C-alpha atoms as a PDB file:
ATOM      1  CA  UNK A   1      -0.134  -0.004   0.121  1.00  0.00           C
ATOM      2  CA  UNK A   2       2.758   2.531   1.008  1.00  0.00           C
ATOM      3  CA  UNK A   3       4.624   1.585  -2.626  1.00  0.00           C
ATOM      4  CA  UNK A   4       1.302   1.900  -4.448  1.00  0.00           C
ATOM      5  CA  UNK A   5       0.206   5.245  -2.795  1.00  0.00           C
ATOM      6  CA  UNK A   6       3.581   7.099  -1.535  1.00  0.00           C
ATOM      7  CA  UNK A   7       5.988   5.841  -4.319  1.00  0.00           C
ATOM      8  CA  UNK A   8       8.936   3.963  -4.209  1.00  0.00           C
ATOM      9  CA  UNK A   9      10.410   4.952  -0.655  1.00  0.00           C
ATOM     10  CA  UNK A  10      13.051   3.536   1.386  1.00  0.00           C
ATOM     11  CA  UNK A  11      13.244   2.982   5.079  1.00  0.00           C
ATOM     12  CA  UNK A  12      16.520   2.605   6.641  1.00  0.00           C
ATOM     13  CA  UNK A  13      17.744   1.967   2.872  1.00  0.00           C
ATOM     14  CA  UNK A  14      15.542  -0.696   2.505  1.00  0.00           C
ATOM     15  CA  UNK A  15      12.863  -0.270  -0.280  1.00  0.00           C
ATOM     16  CA  UNK A  16       9.285  -0.638   0.796  1.00  0.00           C
ATOM     17  CA  UNK A  17       8.760  -2.925  -2.171  1.00  0.00           C
ATOM     18  CA  UNK A  18      11.665  -5.223  -1.276  1.00  0.00           C
ATOM     19  CA  UNK A  19       9.926  -5.762   2.176  1.00  0.00           C
ATOM     20  CA  UNK A  20       6.924  -6.653   0.260  1.00  0.00           C
ATOM     21  CA  UNK A  21       8.764  -9.184  -2.030  1.00  0.00           C
ATOM     22  CA  UNK A  22      10.790 -10.739   0.916  1.00  0.00           C
ATOM     23  CA  UNK A  23       7.482 -11.297   2.856  1.00  0.00           C
ATOM     24  CA  UNK A  24       6.126 -12.859   0.079  1.00  0.00           C
ATOM     25  CA  UNK A  25       8.979 -15.507  -0.299  1.00  0.00           C
ATOM     26  CA  UNK A  26       8.995 -16.239   3.470  1.00  0.00           C
ATOM     27  CA  UNK A  27       5.278 -16.750   3.565  1.00  0.00           C
ATOM     28  CA  UNK A  28       5.534 -19.369   0.708  1.00  0.00           C
ATOM     29  CA  UNK A  29       6.844 -22.219   2.511  1.00  0.00           C
ATOM     30  CA  UNK A  30       4.639 -21.689   5.478  1.00  0.00           C
ATOM     31  CA  UNK A  31       1.492 -21.936   3.131  1.00  0.00           C
ATOM     32  CA  UNK A  32       2.902 -25.040   1.656  1.00  0.00           C
ATOM     33  CA  UNK A  33       3.422 -26.456   5.024  1.00  0.00           C
ATOM     34  CA  UNK A  34      -0.089 -25.529   6.225  1.00  0.00           C
ATOM     35  CA  UNK A  35      -1.452 -27.113   3.023  1.00  0.00           C
ATOM     36  CA  UNK A  36       0.445 -30.438   3.466  1.00  0.00           C
ATOM     37  CA  UNK A  37      -0.221 -30.646   7.429  1.00  0.00           C
ATOM     38  CA  UNK A  38      -4.083 -29.603   7.220  1.00  0.00           C
ATOM     39  CA  UNK A  39      -5.097 -30.772   3.809  1.00  0.00           C
ATOM     40  CA  UNK A  40      -8.846 -30.243   3.022  1.00  0.00           C
ATOM     41  CA  UNK A  41     -11.194 -32.803   0.720  1.00  0.00           C
ATOM     42  CA  UNK A  42     -13.613 -31.016  -1.491  1.00  0.00           C
ATOM     43  CA  UNK A  43     -17.002 -30.861   0.166  1.00  0.00           C
ATOM     44  CA  UNK A  44     -20.288 -30.605  -1.432  1.00  0.00           C
ATOM     45  CA  UNK A  45     -20.865 -27.285   0.584  1.00  0.00           C
ATOM     46  CA  UNK A  46     -18.050 -25.788  -1.353  1.00  0.00           C
ATOM     47  CA  UNK A  47     -20.215 -25.174  -4.040  1.00  0.00           C
ATOM     48  CA  UNK A  48     -23.388 -23.943  -2.301  1.00  0.00           C
ATOM     49  CA  UNK A  49     -25.145 -20.778  -3.182  1.00  0.00           C
ATOM     50  CA  UNK A  50     -24.092 -19.403   0.342  1.00  0.00           C
ATOM     51  CA  UNK A  51     -20.458 -19.939  -0.390  1.00  0.00           C
ATOM     52  CA  UNK A  52     -20.833 -18.377  -3.759  1.00  0.00           C
ATOM     53  CA  UNK A  53     -22.590 -15.339  -2.202  1.00  0.00           C
ATOM     54  CA  UNK A  54     -19.696 -15.002   0.616  1.00  0.00           C
ATOM     55  CA  UNK A  55     -17.063 -15.070  -2.460  1.00  0.00           C
ATOM     56  CA  UNK A  56     -18.961 -12.138  -4.125  1.00  0.00           C
ATOM     57  CA  UNK A  57     -19.165  -9.907  -1.188  1.00  0.00           C
ATOM     58  CA  UNK A  58     -15.684 -10.583  -0.494  1.00  0.00           C
ATOM     59  CA  UNK A  59     -14.682  -9.762  -4.184  1.00  0.00           C
ATOM     60  CA  UNK A  60     -16.927  -6.501  -4.005  1.00  0.00           C
ATOM     61  CA  UNK A  61     -15.430  -5.289  -1.026  1.00  0.00           C
ATOM     62  CA  UNK A  62     -12.021  -5.675  -2.270  1.00  0.00           C
ATOM     63  CA  UNK A  63     -12.995  -4.088  -5.592  1.00  0.00           C
ATOM     64  CA  UNK A  64     -14.489  -1.014  -3.473  1.00  0.00           C
ATOM     65  CA  UNK A  65     -11.307  -0.882  -1.273  1.00  0.00           C
ATOM     66  CA  UNK A  66      -9.270  -0.811  -4.491  1.00  0.00           C
ATOM     67  CA  UNK A  67     -11.322   2.025  -6.084  1.00  0.00           C
ATOM     68  CA  UNK A  68     -11.416   4.267  -3.042  1.00  0.00           C
ATOM     69  CA  UNK A  69      -7.721   3.724  -2.642  1.00  0.00           C
ATOM     70  CA  UNK A  70      -7.106   4.853  -6.212  1.00  0.00           C
ATOM     71  CA  UNK A  71      -9.651   7.757  -5.704  1.00  0.00           C
ATOM     72  CA  UNK A  72      -7.896   9.181  -2.862  1.00  0.00           C
ATOM     73  CA  UNK A  73      -4.361   8.754  -4.439  1.00  0.00           C
ATOM     74  CA  UNK A  74      -5.520  10.536  -7.604  1.00  0.00           C
ATOM     75  CA  UNK A  75      -7.422  13.502  -5.521  1.00  0.00           C
ATOM     76  CA  UNK A  76      -4.847  13.844  -3.050  1.00  0.00           C
ATOM     77  CA  UNK A  77      -1.879  14.237  -5.765  1.00  0.00           C
ATOM     78  CA  UNK A  78      -0.078  11.278  -3.968  1.00  0.00           C
ATOM     79  CA  UNK A  79       2.859   9.941  -6.131  1.00  0.00           C
ATOM     80  CA  UNK A  80       1.007   6.916  -6.759  1.00  0.00           C
ATOM     81  CA  UNK A  81      -1.205   8.431  -9.254  1.00  0.00           C
ATOM     82  CA  UNK A  82       1.955   8.207 -11.842  1.00  0.00           C
ATOM     83  CA  UNK A  83       2.542   4.620 -11.513  1.00  0.00           C
ATOM     84  CA  UNK A  84       1.796   2.102 -14.303  1.00  0.00           C
ATOM     85  CA  UNK A  85      -0.774  -0.607 -13.771  1.00  0.00           C
ATOM     86  CA  UNK A  86       2.072  -3.040 -12.964  1.00  0.00           C
ATOM     87  CA  UNK A  87       2.730  -0.666 -10.014  1.00  0.00           C
ATOM     88  CA  UNK A  88       6.018   0.645 -11.553  1.00  0.00           C
ATOM     89  CA  UNK A  89       7.160   4.231 -11.499  1.00  0.00           C
ATOM     90  CA  UNK A  90       8.973   5.965 -14.180  1.00  0.00           C
ATOM     91  CA  UNK A  91      12.869   6.519 -13.681  1.00  0.00           C
ATOM     92  CA  UNK A  92      15.386   7.439 -16.581  1.00  0.00           C
ATOM     93  CA  UNK A  93      12.999   7.530 -19.513  1.00  0.00           C
ATOM     94  CA  UNK A  94      15.181   8.733 -22.630  1.00  0.00           C
ATOM     95  CA  UNK A  95      18.351   8.923 -20.353  1.00  0.00           C
ATOM     96  CA  UNK A  96      19.704   5.384 -20.225  1.00  0.00           C
ATOM     97  CA  UNK A  97      22.838   6.449 -17.926  1.00  0.00           C
ATOM     98  CA  UNK A  98      19.875   7.218 -15.131  1.00  0.00           C
ATOM     99  CA  UNK A  99      18.245   3.850 -15.704  1.00  0.00           C
ATOM    100  CA  UNK A 100      18.633   1.624 -12.797  1.00  0.00           C
ATOM    101  CA  UNK A 101      21.037  -1.335 -13.002  1.00  0.00           C
ATOM    102  CA  UNK A 102      19.059  -4.482 -11.950  1.00  0.00           C
ATOM    103  CA  UNK A 103      19.716  -8.293 -12.551  1.00  0.00           C
ATOM    104  CA  UNK A 104      18.284 -11.354 -11.390  1.00  0.00           C
ATOM    105  CA  UNK A 105      19.165 -11.826  -7.741  1.00  0.00           C
ATOM    106  CA  UNK A 106      21.528 -14.844  -8.070  1.00  0.00           C
ATOM    107  CA  UNK A 107      23.618 -12.885 -10.924  1.00  0.00           C
ATOM    108  CA  UNK A 108      26.366 -10.172 -10.663  1.00  0.00           C
ATOM    109  CA  UNK A 109      26.712  -7.653 -13.466  1.00  0.00           C
ATOM    110  CA  UNK A 110      29.058  -9.573 -16.165  1.00  0.00           C
ATOM    111  CA  UNK A 111      32.085  -7.851 -17.514  1.00  0.00           C
ATOM    112  CA  UNK A 112      32.593  -9.224 -21.263  1.00  0.00           C
ATOM    113  CA  UNK A 113      35.537  -8.669 -23.134  1.00  0.00           C
ATOM    114  CA  UNK A 114      34.374  -7.504 -26.461  1.00  0.00           C
ATOM    115  CA  UNK A 115      37.473  -8.637 -28.455  1.00  0.00           C
ATOM    116  CA  UNK A 116      36.699 -12.125 -27.712  1.00  0.00           C
ATOM    117  CA  UNK A 117      33.074 -12.325 -27.386  1.00  0.00           C
ATOM    118  CA  UNK A 118      30.930 -14.200 -29.960  1.00  0.00           C
ATOM    119  CA  UNK A 119      27.314 -14.695 -29.998  1.00  0.00           C
ATOM    120  CA  UNK A 120      26.395 -18.541 -30.660  1.00  0.00           C
ATOM    121  CA  UNK A 121      23.421 -18.737 -33.069  1.00  0.00           C
ATOM    122  CA  UNK A 122      21.777 -22.313 -33.188  1.00  0.00           C
ATOM    123  CA  UNK A 123      18.978 -23.571 -35.576  1.00  0.00           C
ATOM    124  CA  UNK A 124      17.467 -26.802 -35.511  1.00  0.00           C
ATOM    125  CA  UNK A 125      19.510 -29.276 -37.865  1.00  0.00           C
ATOM    126  CA  UNK A 126      21.816 -26.723 -38.622  1.00  0.00           C
ATOM    127  CA  UNK A 127      25.612 -26.230 -37.621  1.00  0.00           C
ATOM    128  CA  UNK A 128      25.967 -23.285 -34.846  1.00  0.00           C
ATOM    129  CA  UNK A 129      27.262 -20.332 -36.074  1.00  0.00           C
ATOM    130  CA  UNK A 130      29.268 -17.598 -34.326  1.00  0.00           C
ATOM    131  CA  UNK A 131      29.111 -13.710 -34.479  1.00  0.00           C
ATOM    132  CA  UNK A 132      31.629 -11.337 -33.028  1.00  0.00           C
ATOM    133  CA  UNK A 133      30.889  -8.172 -31.547  1.00  0.00           C
ATOM    134  CA  UNK A 134      31.914  -6.488 -34.635  1.00  0.00           C
ATOM    135  CA  UNK A 135      29.825  -8.453 -37.063  1.00  0.00           C
ATOM    136  CA  UNK A 136      26.453  -7.715 -34.700  1.00  0.00           C
ATOM    137  CA  UNK A 137      27.247  -3.857 -34.718  1.00  0.00           C
ATOM    138  CA  UNK A 138      27.473  -4.092 -38.609  1.00  0.00           C
ATOM    139  CA  UNK A 139      24.019  -5.608 -38.619  1.00  0.00           C
ATOM    140  CA  UNK A 140      22.400  -3.424 -36.091  1.00  0.00           C
ATOM    141  CA  UNK A 141      20.180  -1.566 -38.136  1.00  0.00           C
ATOM    142  CA  UNK A 142      16.543  -1.744 -36.462  1.00  0.00           C
ATOM    143  CA  UNK A 143      15.744   1.007 -34.221  1.00  0.00           C
ATOM    144  CA  UNK A 144      12.764   0.351 -31.778  1.00  0.00           C
ATOM    145  CA  UNK A 145      11.122   2.338 -28.883  1.00  0.00           C
ATOM    146  CA  UNK A 146      10.305   0.203 -26.062  1.00  0.00           C
ATOM    147  CA  UNK A 147       9.169   0.239 -22.449  1.00  0.00           C
ATOM    148  CA  UNK A 148      11.449  -1.913 -19.821  1.00  0.00           C
ATOM    149  CA  UNK A 149       9.205  -2.455 -16.825  1.00  0.00           C
ATOM    150  CA  UNK A 150      11.068  -4.019 -14.238  1.00  0.00           C
ATOM    151  CA  UNK A 151       9.541  -6.176 -11.282  1.00  0.00           C
ATOM    152  CA  UNK A 152      11.838  -4.074  -9.083  1.00  0.00           C
ATOM    153  CA  UNK A 153       8.967  -1.338  -9.133  1.00  0.00           C
ATOM    154  CA  UNK A 154      10.477   0.811 -12.075  1.00  0.00           C
ATOM    155  CA  UNK A 155       9.956   1.299 -15.925  1.00  0.00           C
ATOM    156  CA  UNK A 156      11.677   3.422 -18.566  1.00  0.00           C
ATOM    157  CA  UNK A 157      11.119   4.194 -22.104  1.00  0.00           C
ATOM    158  CA  UNK A 158      14.162   3.900 -24.328  1.00  0.00           C
ATOM    159  CA  UNK A 159      15.200   3.534 -27.900  1.00  0.00           C
ATOM    160  CA  UNK A 160      17.058   0.572 -28.446  1.00  0.00           C
ATOM    161  CA  UNK A 161      18.985  -0.545 -31.717  1.00  0.00           C
ATOM    162  CA  UNK A 162      20.024  -3.884 -32.765  1.00  0.00           C
ATOM    163  CA  UNK A 163      19.520  -7.089 -34.808  1.00  0.00           C
ATOM    164  CA  UNK A 164      15.865  -8.489 -34.895  1.00  0.00           C
ATOM    165  CA  UNK A 165      16.271 -12.265 -33.844  1.00  0.00           C
ATOM    166  CA  UNK A 166      14.212 -13.212 -37.011  1.00  0.00           C
ATOM    167  CA  UNK A 167      17.135 -12.080 -39.114  1.00  0.00           C
ATOM    168  CA  UNK A 168      19.455 -14.719 -37.097  1.00  0.00           C
ATOM    169  CA  UNK A 169      16.795 -17.512 -36.581  1.00  0.00           C
ATOM    170  CA  UNK A 170      14.130 -16.919 -39.025  1.00  0.00           C
ATOM    171  CA  UNK A 171      10.679 -17.876 -38.202  1.00  0.00           C
ATOM    172  CA  UNK A 172      10.583 -21.528 -36.847  1.00  0.00           C
ATOM    173  CA  UNK A 173       7.368 -23.481 -37.129  1.00  0.00           C
ATOM    174  CA  UNK A 174       7.686 -25.369 -33.981  1.00  0.00           C
ATOM    175  CA  UNK A 175       9.665 -25.563 -30.605  1.00  0.00           C
ATOM    176  CA  UNK A 176      10.690 -22.534 -28.731  1.00  0.00           C
ATOM    177  CA  UNK A 177      13.458 -19.563 -28.762  1.00  0.00           C
ATOM    178  CA  UNK A 178      15.963 -20.051 -26.099  1.00  0.00           C
ATOM    179  CA  UNK A 179      17.796 -16.592 -25.262  1.00  0.00           C
ATOM    180  CA  UNK A 180      20.742 -17.662 -22.833  1.00  0.00           C
ATOM    181  CA  UNK A 181      23.013 -15.257 -20.646  1.00  0.00           C
ATOM    182  CA  UNK A 182      26.646 -15.404 -20.123  1.00  0.00           C
ATOM    183  CA  UNK A 183      25.577 -16.068 -16.389  1.00  0.00           C
ATOM    184  CA  UNK A 184      23.515 -19.096 -17.334  1.00  0.00           C
ATOM    185  CA  UNK A 185      20.034 -17.161 -16.780  1.00  0.00           C
ATOM    186  CA  UNK A 186      17.723 -18.410 -19.569  1.00  0.00           C
ATOM    187  CA  UNK A 187      14.092 -17.643 -20.957  1.00  0.00           C
ATOM    188  CA  UNK A 188      12.017 -19.355 -23.621  1.00  0.00           C
ATOM    189  CA  UNK A 189       9.852 -17.421 -26.315  1.00  0.00           C
ATOM    190  CA  UNK A 190       7.269 -18.738 -28.699  1.00  0.00           C
ATOM    191  CA  UNK A 191       8.718 -19.183 -32.106  1.00  0.00           C
ATOM    192  CA  UNK A 192       6.418 -16.288 -33.830  1.00  0.00           C
ATOM    193  CA  UNK A 193       7.860 -13.799 -31.349  1.00  0.00           C
ATOM    194  CA  UNK A 194      11.291 -13.706 -33.424  1.00  0.00           C
ATOM    195  CA  UNK A 195       9.901 -10.852 -35.447  1.00  0.00           C
ATOM    196  CA  UNK A 196       9.327  -8.477 -32.158  1.00  0.00           C
ATOM    197  CA  UNK A 197      12.215  -9.562 -30.168  1.00  0.00           C
ATOM    198  CA  UNK A 198      15.575  -7.655 -30.714  1.00  0.00           C
ATOM    199  CA  UNK A 199      19.036  -8.158 -29.761  1.00  0.00           C
ATOM    200  CA  UNK A 200      19.979  -4.543 -28.831  1.00  0.00           C
ATOM    201  CA  UNK A 201      23.783  -3.501 -29.139  1.00  0.00           C
ATOM    202  CA  UNK A 202      22.661   0.003 -28.450  1.00  0.00           C
ATOM    203  CA  UNK A 203      20.359   2.171 -26.125  1.00  0.00           C
ATOM    204  CA  UNK A 204      19.666   6.005 -26.702  1.00  0.00           C
ATOM    205  CA  UNK A 205      22.259   6.193 -29.531  1.00  0.00           C
ATOM    206  CA  UNK A 206      25.234   4.919 -27.523  1.00  0.00           C
ATOM    207  CA  UNK A 207      26.358   1.255 -26.906  1.00  0.00           C
ATOM    208  CA  UNK A 208      25.272  -0.643 -23.929  1.00  0.00           C
ATOM    209  CA  UNK A 209      27.083  -0.358 -20.776  1.00  0.00           C
ATOM    210  CA  UNK A 210      27.663  -3.535 -18.805  1.00  0.00           C
ATOM    211  CA  UNK A 211      25.325  -2.661 -16.295  1.00  0.00           C
ATOM    212  CA  UNK A 212      22.610  -2.549 -18.978  1.00  0.00           C
ATOM    213  CA  UNK A 213      23.645  -5.714 -20.627  1.00  0.00           C
ATOM    214  CA  UNK A 214      26.717  -5.273 -23.001  1.00  0.00           C
ATOM    215  CA  UNK A 215      27.609  -6.247 -25.407  1.00  0.00           C
ATOM    216  CA  UNK A 216      24.127  -7.637 -26.360  1.00  0.00           C
ATOM    217  CA  UNK A 217      20.607  -7.637 -24.341  1.00  0.00           C
ATOM    218  CA  UNK A 218      17.325  -8.923 -25.528  1.00  0.00           C
ATOM    219  CA  UNK A 219      14.602  -6.378 -25.746  1.00  0.00           C
ATOM    220  CA  UNK A 220      11.198  -8.260 -25.339  1.00  0.00           C
ATOM    221  CA  UNK A 221       8.369  -5.572 -25.928  1.00  0.00           C
ATOM    222  CA  UNK A 222       5.042  -6.115 -23.981  1.00  0.00           C
ATOM    223  CA  UNK A 223       7.149  -8.540 -21.252  1.00  0.00           C
ATOM    224  CA  UNK A 224       8.264  -7.652 -17.919  1.00  0.00           C
ATOM    225  CA  UNK A 225      12.067  -7.052 -17.149  1.00  0.00           C
ATOM    226  CA  UNK A 226      12.922 -10.472 -16.426  1.00  0.00           C
ATOM    227  CA  UNK A 227      12.298 -11.757 -19.738  1.00  0.00           C
ATOM    228  CA  UNK A 228      14.805  -9.024 -20.822  1.00  0.00           C
ATOM    229  CA  UNK A 229      17.966 -11.260 -21.010  1.00  0.00           C
ATOM    230  CA  UNK A 230      21.255  -9.483 -20.565  1.00  0.00           C
ATOM    231  CA  UNK A 231      24.667 -10.187 -21.641  1.00  0.00           C
ATOM    232  CA  UNK A 232      23.411 -12.734 -24.281  1.00  0.00           C
ATOM    233  CA  UNK A 233      25.718 -15.182 -25.624  1.00  0.00           C
ATOM    234  CA  UNK A 234      23.649 -17.711 -27.114  1.00  0.00           C
ATOM    235  CA  UNK A 235      20.189 -17.757 -29.094  1.00  0.00           C
ATOM    236  CA  UNK A 236      18.769 -20.939 -30.332  1.00  0.00           C
ATOM    237  CA  UNK A 237      15.864 -23.014 -31.794  1.00  0.00           C
ATOM    238  CA  UNK A 238      15.151 -25.824 -29.364  1.00  0.00           C
ATOM    239  CA  UNK A 239      12.404 -28.676 -29.649  1.00  0.00           C
ATOM    240  CA  UNK A 240      10.926 -27.830 -25.827  1.00  0.00           C
ATOM    241  CA  UNK A 241       7.852 -25.907 -25.938  1.00  0.00           C
ATOM    242  CA  UNK A 242       8.381 -22.004 -24.774  1.00  0.00           C
ATOM    243  CA  UNK A 243       5.738 -22.783 -21.829  1.00  0.00           C
ATOM    244  CA  UNK A 244       7.881 -25.859 -20.635  1.00  0.00           C
ATOM    245  CA  UNK A 245       9.518 -23.243 -18.158  1.00  0.00           C
ATOM    246  CA  UNK A 246       8.379 -21.605 -14.875  1.00  0.00           C
ATOM    247  CA  UNK A 247       6.315 -18.859 -15.468  1.00  0.00           C
ATOM    248  CA  UNK A 248       8.509 -16.806 -13.201  1.00  0.00           C
ATOM    249  CA  UNK A 249      12.266 -17.654 -12.811  1.00  0.00           C
ATOM    250  CA  UNK A 250      13.402 -19.692 -10.001  1.00  0.00           C
ATOM    251  CA  UNK A 251      17.353 -19.294 -10.837  1.00  0.00           C
END
């Protein structure tokens, strides 16, 4: 509630959103333990009219509380009125140097030697090819404006330049597109997404910094920040379907 109304505040150097996330992570194993120890069998009364009415009342009360909170936030001119529907606040749009540097909690910022870097590109049934940083820069002709909306509670709109994924992989008719980071972090995408996914080498007209994914990062318009893989070193077409992965990364 604090984050949604008063903005991305910090208390004692700790962001209120971080407290929210940590609380959810801490509660998860307790919920599983509760379910395991107090398992409930379905009952005929679970589908009764009274149960349905209670659910409607609770849902309606929640909707009214949400609407009231939004109204007060807007009328009082609180910072929360500027947040996106995802809860994120704008930071650094058009100025990449002020955009926060974030990555998955198990990763550190990767420092990659541009002289020895090579992007591995693999198609089904074809030999893997390697593209140097210089070769990728020569191919980086597509410019795209896209919003990076991070689950850390911020968003930024930037102009990205790079190579569309279908230029390297075509448009496969099956399987998935796996995009892997030098850290091992990997996300899979539907094959039809190759035409909208961009392997960016530049942001705001300048080369990416290490913190923002240099030498190459994925730009995935319309997807949250954890899909925007940084420090990409391998893209491939693989037989597994894209949905054969956790909806939210676990490592």
